[in-house]
């Protein structure tokens, strides 16, 4: 849903910690990610929106963020919004804990979107299906192993009954070798 690349989340947090400032016309990873999240949130709202920008102005992501904070039920009401009056420089002046609070807030809001929930549910269903298939394979392998052990016991009993005496070491080794090769064959069939 967000098209986040492997390692991008870590890079975003590192950029946040390094306190990279936004130069004129240049987006930081953190701001770009927050814009992605806000765009996702806006896509499910009834509000008509054009593409968000990292700069100050009519389509600023900060304006959308301010609206989201004031309309949200997630309890960010006590978070002072006076820094928004300074625009992007106000955001850059925030300390890391406030930026993390904002990032967490936006992530929480994004998790409430149908698009992201659907993506998460699809991934969970896929993982559950893979887990179920793996458990089934393991159960099948254990069943074959039990059957082969039983077969070994049965064949040993047959050999003892037919000979009237216990098996010689070479007969025993031959029988065990035969069963082991069948077990290995059954195991490779499962894989």
N, C-alpha and C. Protein backbone atom coordinates (compact mmCIF):
# COMPACT_ATOMS: atom_id res chain seq x y z
N UNK A 1 0.82 -1.19 0.00
CA UNK A 1 0.00 0.00 0.00
C UNK A 1 0.87 1.26 0.00
N UNK A 2 1.99 1.20 0.71
CA UNK A 2 2.86 2.37 0.78
C UNK A 2 4.10 2.23 -0.09
N UNK A 3 4.33 1.04 -0.59
CA UNK A 3 5.49 0.79 -1.44
C UNK A 3 6.80 1.17 -0.73
N UNK A 4 6.94 0.69 0.50
CA UNK A 4 8.14 0.94 1.29
C UNK A 4 9.16 -0.13 0.93
N UNK A 5 10.34 0.29 0.56
CA UNK A 5 11.40 -0.63 0.16
C UNK A 5 12.09 -1.21 1.40
N UNK A 6 12.75 -2.34 1.20
CA UNK A 6 13.48 -2.97 2.28
C UNK A 6 14.58 -2.01 2.77
N UNK A 7 14.64 -1.82 4.06
CA UNK A 7 15.64 -0.94 4.66
C UNK A 7 15.23 0.52 4.73
N UNK A 8 14.13 0.86 4.08
CA UNK A 8 13.70 2.26 4.05
C UNK A 8 13.25 2.74 5.43
N UNK A 9 12.58 1.88 6.18
CA UNK A 9 12.11 2.27 7.52
C UNK A 9 13.29 2.64 8.41
N UNK A 10 14.33 1.84 8.37
CA UNK A 10 15.53 2.14 9.15
C UNK A 10 16.18 3.43 8.70
N UNK A 11 16.21 3.65 7.40
CA UNK A 11 16.81 4.88 6.86
C UNK A 11 16.01 6.10 7.31
N UNK A 12 14.70 5.96 7.37
CA UNK A 12 13.85 7.06 7.81
C UNK A 12 14.16 7.41 9.27
N UNK A 13 14.26 6.39 10.10
CA UNK A 13 14.56 6.65 11.52
C UNK A 13 15.97 7.22 11.69
N UNK A 14 16.93 6.72 10.92
CA UNK A 14 18.29 7.28 11.00
C UNK A 14 18.29 8.75 10.58
N UNK A 15 17.54 9.05 9.53
CA UNK A 15 17.45 10.44 9.07
C UNK A 15 16.81 11.32 10.14
N UNK A 16 15.83 10.79 10.82
CA UNK A 16 15.15 11.53 11.88
C UNK A 16 16.11 11.79 13.04
N UNK A 17 16.89 10.79 13.38
CA UNK A 17 17.83 10.92 14.49
C UNK A 17 18.95 11.89 14.14
N UNK A 18 19.40 11.85 12.89
CA UNK A 18 20.48 12.76 12.46
C UNK A 18 20.02 14.20 12.38
N UNK A 19 18.71 14.39 12.51
CA UNK A 19 18.12 15.73 12.47
C UNK A 19 18.50 16.46 11.20
N UNK A 20 18.31 15.77 10.07
CA UNK A 20 18.58 16.41 8.79
C UNK A 20 17.57 17.52 8.58
N UNK A 21 18.06 18.66 8.24
CA UNK A 21 17.17 19.79 7.99
C UNK A 21 16.72 19.79 6.55
N UNK A 22 15.57 20.34 6.36
CA UNK A 22 15.00 20.45 5.02
C UNK A 22 15.56 21.70 4.35
N UNK A 23 16.30 21.50 3.30
CA UNK A 23 16.79 22.65 2.54
C UNK A 23 15.71 23.05 1.55
N UNK A 24 15.78 24.25 1.10
CA UNK A 24 14.77 24.77 0.18
C UNK A 24 14.60 23.82 -1.01
N UNK A 25 13.37 23.33 -1.17
CA UNK A 25 13.05 22.47 -2.31
C UNK A 25 13.54 21.04 -2.19
N UNK A 26 14.12 20.67 -1.07
CA UNK A 26 14.65 19.31 -0.94
C UNK A 26 13.93 18.59 0.20
N UNK A 27 13.39 17.42 -0.07
CA UNK A 27 12.65 16.66 0.94
C UNK A 27 13.57 15.71 1.68
N UNK A 28 13.35 15.57 2.95
CA UNK A 28 14.05 14.53 3.68
C UNK A 28 13.23 13.26 3.57
N UNK A 29 13.85 12.15 3.87
CA UNK A 29 13.13 10.87 3.85
C UNK A 29 11.94 10.89 4.80
N UNK A 30 12.14 11.52 5.95
CA UNK A 30 11.07 11.55 6.96
C UNK A 30 9.86 12.29 6.42
N UNK A 31 10.09 13.46 5.85
CA UNK A 31 8.98 14.26 5.32
C UNK A 31 8.33 13.53 4.15
N UNK A 32 9.13 12.94 3.28
CA UNK A 32 8.56 12.19 2.15
C UNK A 32 7.67 11.05 2.63
N UNK A 33 8.13 10.35 3.66
CA UNK A 33 7.34 9.24 4.20
C UNK A 33 6.05 9.75 4.83
N UNK A 34 6.14 10.84 5.56
CA UNK A 34 4.95 11.40 6.18
C UNK A 34 3.97 11.88 5.11
N UNK A 35 4.48 12.42 4.03
CA UNK A 35 3.61 12.83 2.92
C UNK A 35 2.93 11.61 2.31
N UNK A 36 3.67 10.50 2.17
CA UNK A 36 3.06 9.25 1.66
C UNK A 36 1.91 8.81 2.56
N UNK A 37 2.16 8.83 3.86
CA UNK A 37 1.13 8.41 4.81
C UNK A 37 -0.08 9.33 4.77
N UNK A 38 0.18 10.62 4.75
CA UNK A 38 -0.93 11.58 4.71
C UNK A 38 -1.72 11.46 3.41
N UNK A 39 -1.02 11.20 2.32
CA UNK A 39 -1.70 11.01 1.03
C UNK A 39 -2.60 9.78 1.09
N UNK A 40 -2.10 8.71 1.71
CA UNK A 40 -2.91 7.51 1.89
C UNK A 40 -4.15 7.81 2.72
N UNK A 41 -3.96 8.54 3.80
CA UNK A 41 -5.09 8.89 4.67
C UNK A 41 -6.10 9.75 3.91
N UNK A 42 -5.59 10.73 3.17
CA UNK A 42 -6.47 11.61 2.41
C UNK A 42 -7.21 10.87 1.30
N UNK A 43 -6.59 9.85 0.74
CA UNK A 43 -7.22 9.12 -0.36
C UNK A 43 -8.50 8.44 0.08
N UNK A 44 -8.63 8.18 1.37
CA UNK A 44 -9.84 7.54 1.88
C UNK A 44 -10.82 8.52 2.50
N UNK A 45 -10.42 9.77 2.57
CA UNK A 45 -11.34 10.75 3.14
C UNK A 45 -12.19 11.35 2.02
N UNK A 46 -13.18 12.06 2.41
CA UNK A 46 -14.06 12.68 1.42
C UNK A 46 -13.49 13.99 0.92
N UNK A 47 -12.39 14.41 1.51
CA UNK A 47 -11.77 15.67 1.14
C UNK A 47 -11.08 15.53 -0.21
N UNK A 48 -11.36 16.45 -1.09
CA UNK A 48 -10.69 16.48 -2.40
C UNK A 48 -9.29 17.05 -2.17
N UNK A 49 -8.28 16.33 -2.62
CA UNK A 49 -6.93 16.83 -2.36
C UNK A 49 -6.07 16.72 -3.61
N UNK A 50 -5.23 17.73 -3.77
CA UNK A 50 -4.22 17.64 -4.82
C UNK A 50 -2.96 17.08 -4.16
N UNK A 51 -1.92 16.91 -4.92
CA UNK A 51 -0.73 16.29 -4.33
C UNK A 51 -0.12 17.21 -3.28
N UNK A 52 0.32 16.59 -2.21
CA UNK A 52 0.90 17.34 -1.10
C UNK A 52 2.33 17.72 -1.42
N UNK A 53 2.74 18.85 -0.87
CA UNK A 53 4.12 19.30 -1.07
C UNK A 53 4.81 19.44 0.27
N UNK A 54 6.14 19.42 0.21
CA UNK A 54 6.93 19.57 1.42
C UNK A 54 7.13 21.04 1.78
N UNK A 55 6.76 21.92 0.89
CA UNK A 55 6.95 23.34 1.14
C UNK A 55 5.74 23.92 1.87
N UNK A 56 5.87 25.16 2.27
CA UNK A 56 4.74 25.87 2.88
C UNK A 56 3.77 26.26 1.78
N UNK A 57 2.53 26.41 2.13
CA UNK A 57 1.57 26.86 1.14
C UNK A 57 0.28 26.08 1.19
N UNK A 58 -0.52 26.29 0.16
CA UNK A 58 -1.86 25.73 0.09
C UNK A 58 -1.88 24.20 0.17
N UNK A 59 -0.97 23.54 -0.52
CA UNK A 59 -0.94 22.07 -0.56
C UNK A 59 0.11 21.48 0.38
N UNK A 60 0.49 22.23 1.38
CA UNK A 60 1.52 21.78 2.31
C UNK A 60 1.03 20.58 3.12
N UNK A 61 1.91 19.64 3.30
CA UNK A 61 1.59 18.47 4.13
C UNK A 61 1.34 18.90 5.57
N UNK A 62 1.91 20.02 5.97
CA UNK A 62 1.72 20.50 7.34
C UNK A 62 0.28 20.95 7.58
N UNK A 63 -0.35 21.51 6.56
CA UNK A 63 -1.75 21.92 6.68
C UNK A 63 -2.63 20.69 6.88
N UNK A 64 -2.37 19.66 6.10
CA UNK A 64 -3.13 18.41 6.22
C UNK A 64 -2.88 17.79 7.59
N UNK A 65 -1.63 17.83 8.04
CA UNK A 65 -1.29 17.29 9.36
C UNK A 65 -2.03 18.05 10.46
N UNK A 66 -2.07 19.36 10.36
CA UNK A 66 -2.78 20.17 11.36
C UNK A 66 -4.26 19.79 11.40
N UNK A 67 -4.87 19.67 10.23
CA UNK A 67 -6.28 19.28 10.17
C UNK A 67 -6.49 17.89 10.78
N UNK A 68 -5.58 16.99 10.48
CA UNK A 68 -5.68 15.62 10.99
C UNK A 68 -5.57 15.60 12.52
N UNK A 69 -4.63 16.36 13.05
CA UNK A 69 -4.46 16.41 14.51
C UNK A 69 -5.70 16.97 15.18
N UNK A 70 -6.24 18.04 14.63
CA UNK A 70 -7.40 18.67 15.28
C UNK A 70 -8.66 17.82 15.15
N UNK A 71 -8.76 17.00 14.11
CA UNK A 71 -9.95 16.17 13.90
C UNK A 71 -9.83 14.77 14.50
N UNK A 72 -8.64 14.38 14.90
CA UNK A 72 -8.40 13.01 15.32
C UNK A 72 -8.93 12.70 16.71
N UNK A 73 -9.24 11.43 16.90
CA UNK A 73 -9.66 10.93 18.21
C UNK A 73 -8.50 10.25 18.94
N UNK A 74 -7.32 10.28 18.37
CA UNK A 74 -6.19 9.52 18.93
C UNK A 74 -5.45 10.23 20.06
N UNK A 75 -5.96 11.34 20.53
CA UNK A 75 -5.39 11.93 21.74
C UNK A 75 -4.12 12.73 21.56
N UNK A 76 -3.99 13.44 20.48
CA UNK A 76 -2.82 14.31 20.30
C UNK A 76 -3.22 15.76 20.57
N UNK A 77 -4.33 15.92 21.25
CA UNK A 77 -4.89 17.25 21.51
C UNK A 77 -3.93 18.11 22.35
N UNK A 78 -3.21 17.49 23.27
CA UNK A 78 -2.31 18.26 24.14
C UNK A 78 -1.00 18.62 23.44
N UNK A 79 -0.82 18.16 22.23
CA UNK A 79 0.39 18.46 21.47
C UNK A 79 0.26 19.88 20.91
N UNK A 80 1.13 20.77 21.36
CA UNK A 80 1.05 22.17 20.93
C UNK A 80 1.28 22.29 19.43
N UNK A 81 0.47 23.10 18.77
CA UNK A 81 0.56 23.25 17.32
C UNK A 81 1.12 24.61 16.90
N UNK A 82 1.64 25.36 17.85
CA UNK A 82 2.15 26.69 17.52
C UNK A 82 3.33 26.64 16.54
N UNK A 83 4.06 25.57 16.52
CA UNK A 83 5.19 25.43 15.59
C UNK A 83 4.73 25.44 14.14
N UNK A 84 3.47 25.09 13.91
CA UNK A 84 2.94 25.06 12.54
C UNK A 84 2.89 26.45 11.91
N UNK A 85 2.82 27.48 12.75
CA UNK A 85 2.80 28.86 12.24
C UNK A 85 4.10 29.20 11.50
N UNK A 86 5.17 28.51 11.84
CA UNK A 86 6.47 28.75 11.20
C UNK A 86 6.67 27.88 9.96
N UNK A 87 5.70 27.04 9.67
CA UNK A 87 5.81 26.19 8.48
C UNK A 87 6.87 25.12 8.65
N UNK A 88 7.57 24.85 7.55
CA UNK A 88 8.55 23.77 7.54
C UNK A 88 9.70 24.04 8.50
N UNK A 89 10.07 25.30 8.69
CA UNK A 89 11.15 25.60 9.64
C UNK A 89 10.69 25.30 11.07
N UNK A 90 9.40 25.46 11.33
CA UNK A 90 8.86 25.10 12.64
C UNK A 90 8.96 23.60 12.87
N UNK A 91 8.70 22.82 11.82
CA UNK A 91 8.85 21.36 11.93
C UNK A 91 10.31 21.00 12.17
N UNK A 92 11.20 21.63 11.42
CA UNK A 92 12.63 21.33 11.57
C UNK A 92 13.15 21.69 12.96
N UNK A 93 12.52 22.67 13.60
CA UNK A 93 12.95 23.09 14.94
C UNK A 93 12.46 22.16 16.05
N UNK A 94 11.50 21.29 15.73
CA UNK A 94 11.00 20.36 16.75
C UNK A 94 12.11 19.41 17.19
N UNK A 95 12.08 19.03 18.47
CA UNK A 95 13.07 18.05 18.91
C UNK A 95 12.65 16.66 18.43
N UNK A 96 13.57 15.73 18.54
CA UNK A 96 13.34 14.39 17.99
C UNK A 96 12.13 13.70 18.62
N UNK A 97 11.91 13.91 19.91
CA UNK A 97 10.78 13.23 20.56
C UNK A 97 9.45 13.72 19.98
N UNK A 98 9.35 15.00 19.70
CA UNK A 98 8.11 15.53 19.12
C UNK A 98 7.93 15.03 17.68
N UNK A 99 9.04 14.95 16.94
CA UNK A 99 8.95 14.42 15.58
C UNK A 99 8.54 12.95 15.59
N UNK A 100 9.05 12.20 16.57
CA UNK A 100 8.65 10.79 16.69
C UNK A 100 7.18 10.67 17.08
N UNK A 101 6.72 11.55 17.95
CA UNK A 101 5.30 11.54 18.33
C UNK A 101 4.44 11.80 17.10
N UNK A 102 4.85 12.77 16.29
CA UNK A 102 4.10 13.08 15.06
C UNK A 102 4.12 11.90 14.09
N UNK A 103 5.29 11.31 13.90
CA UNK A 103 5.41 10.17 12.99
C UNK A 103 4.55 9.01 13.48
N UNK A 104 4.58 8.75 14.76
CA UNK A 104 3.77 7.68 15.34
C UNK A 104 2.28 7.97 15.16
N UNK A 105 1.90 9.21 15.38
CA UNK A 105 0.50 9.62 15.21
C UNK A 105 0.04 9.39 13.77
N UNK A 106 0.86 9.83 12.82
CA UNK A 106 0.48 9.67 11.40
C UNK A 106 0.40 8.19 11.04
N UNK A 107 1.34 7.40 11.55
CA UNK A 107 1.31 5.94 11.30
C UNK A 107 0.03 5.32 11.87
N UNK A 108 -0.33 5.72 13.09
CA UNK A 108 -1.56 5.20 13.70
C UNK A 108 -2.78 5.56 12.86
N UNK A 109 -2.82 6.78 12.39
CA UNK A 109 -3.95 7.22 11.55
C UNK A 109 -3.97 6.41 10.24
N UNK A 110 -2.80 6.18 9.67
CA UNK A 110 -2.72 5.42 8.41
C UNK A 110 -3.17 3.97 8.62
N UNK A 111 -2.87 3.42 9.79
CA UNK A 111 -3.30 2.04 10.08
C UNK A 111 -4.81 1.90 10.12
N UNK A 112 -5.49 3.01 10.30
CA UNK A 112 -6.95 2.98 10.32
C UNK A 112 -7.58 3.02 8.93
N UNK A 113 -6.77 3.16 7.90
CA UNK A 113 -7.32 3.22 6.54
C UNK A 113 -7.65 1.82 6.04
N UNK A 114 -8.67 1.74 5.22
CA UNK A 114 -9.08 0.44 4.67
C UNK A 114 -7.99 -0.15 3.78
N UNK A 115 -7.33 0.69 3.04
CA UNK A 115 -6.30 0.20 2.12
C UNK A 115 -5.16 -0.49 2.89
N UNK A 116 -4.69 0.14 3.95
CA UNK A 116 -3.60 -0.45 4.73
C UNK A 116 -4.08 -1.65 5.53
N UNK A 117 -5.28 -1.57 6.10
CA UNK A 117 -5.84 -2.71 6.85
C UNK A 117 -5.99 -3.91 5.92
N UNK A 118 -6.47 -3.66 4.71
CA UNK A 118 -6.65 -4.73 3.74
C UNK A 118 -5.31 -5.37 3.39
N UNK A 119 -4.30 -4.54 3.21
CA UNK A 119 -2.96 -5.04 2.89
C UNK A 119 -2.43 -5.91 4.04
N UNK A 120 -2.61 -5.44 5.27
CA UNK A 120 -2.16 -6.19 6.44
C UNK A 120 -2.93 -7.50 6.56
N UNK A 121 -4.24 -7.44 6.37
CA UNK A 121 -5.05 -8.66 6.44
C UNK A 121 -4.65 -9.67 5.37
N UNK A 122 -4.35 -9.18 4.17
CA UNK A 122 -3.90 -10.07 3.09
C UNK A 122 -2.58 -10.75 3.45
N UNK A 123 -1.66 -9.98 4.01
CA UNK A 123 -0.37 -10.54 4.42
C UNK A 123 -0.55 -11.56 5.54
N UNK A 124 -1.41 -11.24 6.50
CA UNK A 124 -1.67 -12.18 7.60
C UNK A 124 -2.30 -13.47 7.08
N UNK A 125 -3.21 -13.36 6.13
CA UNK A 125 -3.85 -14.54 5.56
C UNK A 125 -2.83 -15.39 4.80
N UNK A 126 -1.95 -14.73 4.07
CA UNK A 126 -0.91 -15.43 3.32
C UNK A 126 0.03 -16.18 4.27
N UNK A 127 0.43 -15.52 5.33
CA UNK A 127 1.33 -16.14 6.32
C UNK A 127 0.63 -17.31 7.01
N UNK A 128 -0.64 -17.13 7.35
CA UNK A 128 -1.40 -18.20 8.00
C UNK A 128 -1.51 -19.41 7.07
N UNK A 129 -1.73 -19.16 5.79
CA UNK A 129 -1.83 -20.25 4.82
C UNK A 129 -0.50 -20.99 4.69
N UNK A 130 0.60 -20.24 4.63
CA UNK A 130 1.93 -20.86 4.54
C UNK A 130 2.23 -21.67 5.80
N UNK A 131 1.84 -21.14 6.94
CA UNK A 131 2.06 -21.83 8.21
C UNK A 131 1.25 -23.13 8.26
N UNK A 132 0.02 -23.05 7.78
CA UNK A 132 -0.85 -24.23 7.76
C UNK A 132 -0.26 -25.30 6.83
N UNK A 133 0.23 -24.88 5.67
CA UNK A 133 0.83 -25.82 4.72
C UNK A 133 2.08 -26.47 5.32
N UNK A 134 2.88 -25.68 6.01
CA UNK A 134 4.10 -26.21 6.62
C UNK A 134 3.75 -27.21 7.72
N UNK A 135 2.75 -26.89 8.54
CA UNK A 135 2.33 -27.81 9.59
C UNK A 135 1.81 -29.11 8.99
N UNK A 136 1.10 -28.99 7.90
CA UNK A 136 0.56 -30.17 7.23
C UNK A 136 1.69 -31.06 6.71
N UNK A 137 2.72 -30.43 6.14
CA UNK A 137 3.87 -31.20 5.64
C UNK A 137 4.58 -31.91 6.78
N UNK A 138 4.74 -31.22 7.90
CA UNK A 138 5.40 -31.82 9.06
C UNK A 138 4.58 -32.99 9.58
N UNK A 139 3.28 -32.81 9.67
CA UNK A 139 2.41 -33.90 10.15
C UNK A 139 2.48 -35.09 9.20
N UNK A 140 2.51 -34.80 7.91
CA UNK A 140 2.60 -35.86 6.91
C UNK A 140 3.93 -36.61 7.04
N UNK A 141 5.00 -35.87 7.24
CA UNK A 141 6.32 -36.49 7.39
C UNK A 141 6.38 -37.35 8.65
N UNK A 142 5.80 -36.85 9.73
CA UNK A 142 5.79 -37.63 10.98
C UNK A 142 4.97 -38.91 10.81
N UNK A 143 3.87 -38.81 10.10
CA UNK A 143 3.03 -39.99 9.86
C UNK A 143 3.79 -41.02 9.03
N UNK A 144 4.49 -40.57 8.00
CA UNK A 144 5.28 -41.50 7.19
C UNK A 144 6.38 -42.14 8.03
N UNK A 145 6.99 -41.35 8.89
CA UNK A 145 8.04 -41.88 9.76
C UNK A 145 7.47 -42.95 10.69
N UNK A 146 6.30 -42.68 11.26
CA UNK A 146 5.65 -43.67 12.13
C UNK A 146 5.34 -44.95 11.35
N UNK A 147 4.83 -44.77 10.14
CA UNK A 147 4.51 -45.93 9.31
C UNK A 147 5.75 -46.74 8.96
N UNK A 148 6.85 -46.06 8.68
CA UNK A 148 8.09 -46.77 8.36
C UNK A 148 8.64 -47.51 9.57
N UNK A 149 8.54 -46.91 10.74
CA UNK A 149 8.99 -47.60 11.96
C UNK A 149 8.15 -48.84 12.20
N UNK A 150 6.86 -48.68 11.99
CA UNK A 150 5.96 -49.83 12.16
C UNK A 150 6.30 -50.92 11.14
N UNK A 151 6.59 -50.49 9.92
CA UNK A 151 6.96 -51.45 8.86
C UNK A 151 8.23 -52.19 9.24
N UNK A 152 9.20 -51.47 9.80
CA UNK A 152 10.45 -52.09 10.24
C UNK A 152 10.17 -53.14 11.31
N UNK A 153 9.35 -52.79 12.27
CA UNK A 153 9.02 -53.75 13.33
C UNK A 153 8.29 -54.96 12.76
N UNK A 154 7.36 -54.72 11.84
CA UNK A 154 6.60 -55.82 11.23
C UNK A 154 7.52 -56.74 10.44
N UNK A 155 8.41 -56.17 9.66
CA UNK A 155 9.31 -56.99 8.84
C UNK A 155 10.30 -57.76 9.71
N UNK A 156 10.72 -57.15 10.79
CA UNK A 156 11.62 -57.87 11.70
C UNK A 156 10.87 -59.04 12.35
N UNK A 157 9.64 -58.79 12.72
CA UNK A 157 8.83 -59.85 13.33
C UNK A 157 8.60 -60.97 12.32
N UNK A 158 8.31 -60.62 11.06
CA UNK A 158 8.12 -61.62 10.01
C UNK A 158 9.37 -62.46 9.81
N UNK A 159 10.51 -61.77 9.78
CA UNK A 159 11.78 -62.47 9.56
C UNK A 159 12.07 -63.42 10.70
N UNK A 160 11.79 -63.01 11.91
CA UNK A 160 12.03 -63.87 13.07
C UNK A 160 11.10 -65.08 13.02
N UNK A 161 9.84 -64.84 12.67
CA UNK A 161 8.86 -65.94 12.60
C UNK A 161 9.22 -66.91 11.48
N UNK A 162 9.61 -66.38 10.32
CA UNK A 162 9.93 -67.27 9.19
C UNK A 162 11.21 -68.06 9.44
N UNK A 163 12.19 -67.47 10.12
CA UNK A 163 13.44 -68.17 10.41
C UNK A 163 13.33 -69.02 11.66
N UNK A 164 12.46 -68.64 12.53
CA UNK A 164 12.34 -69.35 13.80
C UNK A 164 13.40 -68.90 14.79
N UNK A 165 14.31 -68.08 14.35
CA UNK A 165 15.35 -67.55 15.24
C UNK A 165 15.46 -66.05 14.99
N UNK A 166 16.25 -65.41 15.79
CA UNK A 166 16.43 -63.97 15.57
C UNK A 166 17.32 -63.74 14.35
N UNK A 167 17.27 -62.53 13.82
CA UNK A 167 18.02 -62.19 12.61
C UNK A 167 19.51 -62.12 12.89
N UNK A 168 20.27 -62.46 11.87
CA UNK A 168 21.72 -62.26 11.98
C UNK A 168 21.99 -60.77 11.82
N UNK A 169 23.17 -60.37 12.17
CA UNK A 169 23.53 -58.95 12.08
C UNK A 169 23.44 -58.47 10.64
N UNK A 170 23.89 -59.26 9.69
CA UNK A 170 23.85 -58.84 8.28
C UNK A 170 22.40 -58.76 7.78
N UNK A 171 21.55 -59.69 8.20
CA UNK A 171 20.14 -59.62 7.80
C UNK A 171 19.46 -58.39 8.40
N UNK A 172 19.79 -58.15 9.66
CA UNK A 172 19.24 -56.98 10.34
C UNK A 172 19.69 -55.70 9.64
N UNK A 173 20.98 -55.61 9.33
CA UNK A 173 21.52 -54.42 8.66
C UNK A 173 20.89 -54.22 7.29
N UNK A 174 20.67 -55.30 6.56
CA UNK A 174 20.04 -55.22 5.24
C UNK A 174 18.62 -54.69 5.36
N UNK A 175 17.89 -55.22 6.33
CA UNK A 175 16.51 -54.79 6.54
C UNK A 175 16.45 -53.31 6.96
N UNK A 176 17.31 -52.92 7.88
CA UNK A 176 17.34 -51.52 8.34
C UNK A 176 17.74 -50.60 7.19
N UNK A 177 18.71 -51.01 6.40
CA UNK A 177 19.16 -50.21 5.26
C UNK A 177 18.02 -50.01 4.26
N UNK A 178 17.27 -51.08 4.01
CA UNK A 178 16.13 -51.00 3.08
C UNK A 178 15.08 -50.01 3.60
N UNK A 179 14.77 -50.10 4.87
CA UNK A 179 13.76 -49.21 5.47
C UNK A 179 14.27 -47.76 5.47
N UNK A 180 15.55 -47.56 5.77
CA UNK A 180 16.11 -46.21 5.78
C UNK A 180 16.07 -45.59 4.39
N UNK A 181 16.35 -46.39 3.36
CA UNK A 181 16.30 -45.84 2.00
C UNK A 181 14.87 -45.48 1.63
N UNK A 182 13.90 -46.28 2.08
CA UNK A 182 12.50 -45.95 1.83
C UNK A 182 12.11 -44.67 2.58
N UNK A 183 12.63 -44.52 3.79
CA UNK A 183 12.34 -43.32 4.59
C UNK A 183 12.94 -42.09 3.92
N UNK A 184 14.17 -42.22 3.43
CA UNK A 184 14.81 -41.09 2.75
C UNK A 184 14.05 -40.72 1.49
N UNK A 185 13.59 -41.74 0.76
CA UNK A 185 12.81 -41.49 -0.45
C UNK A 185 11.51 -40.77 -0.11
N UNK A 186 10.84 -41.21 0.95
CA UNK A 186 9.59 -40.58 1.38
C UNK A 186 9.85 -39.14 1.82
N UNK A 187 10.97 -38.93 2.48
CA UNK A 187 11.31 -37.58 2.96
C UNK A 187 11.56 -36.63 1.79
N UNK A 188 12.29 -37.10 0.77
CA UNK A 188 12.56 -36.24 -0.38
C UNK A 188 11.29 -35.97 -1.19
N UNK A 189 10.35 -36.91 -1.19
CA UNK A 189 9.08 -36.67 -1.88
C UNK A 189 8.32 -35.53 -1.23
N UNK A 190 8.42 -35.42 0.09
CA UNK A 190 7.74 -34.34 0.81
C UNK A 190 8.33 -32.98 0.50
N UNK A 191 9.63 -32.97 0.31
CA UNK A 191 10.29 -31.68 0.06
C UNK A 191 10.09 -31.31 -1.38
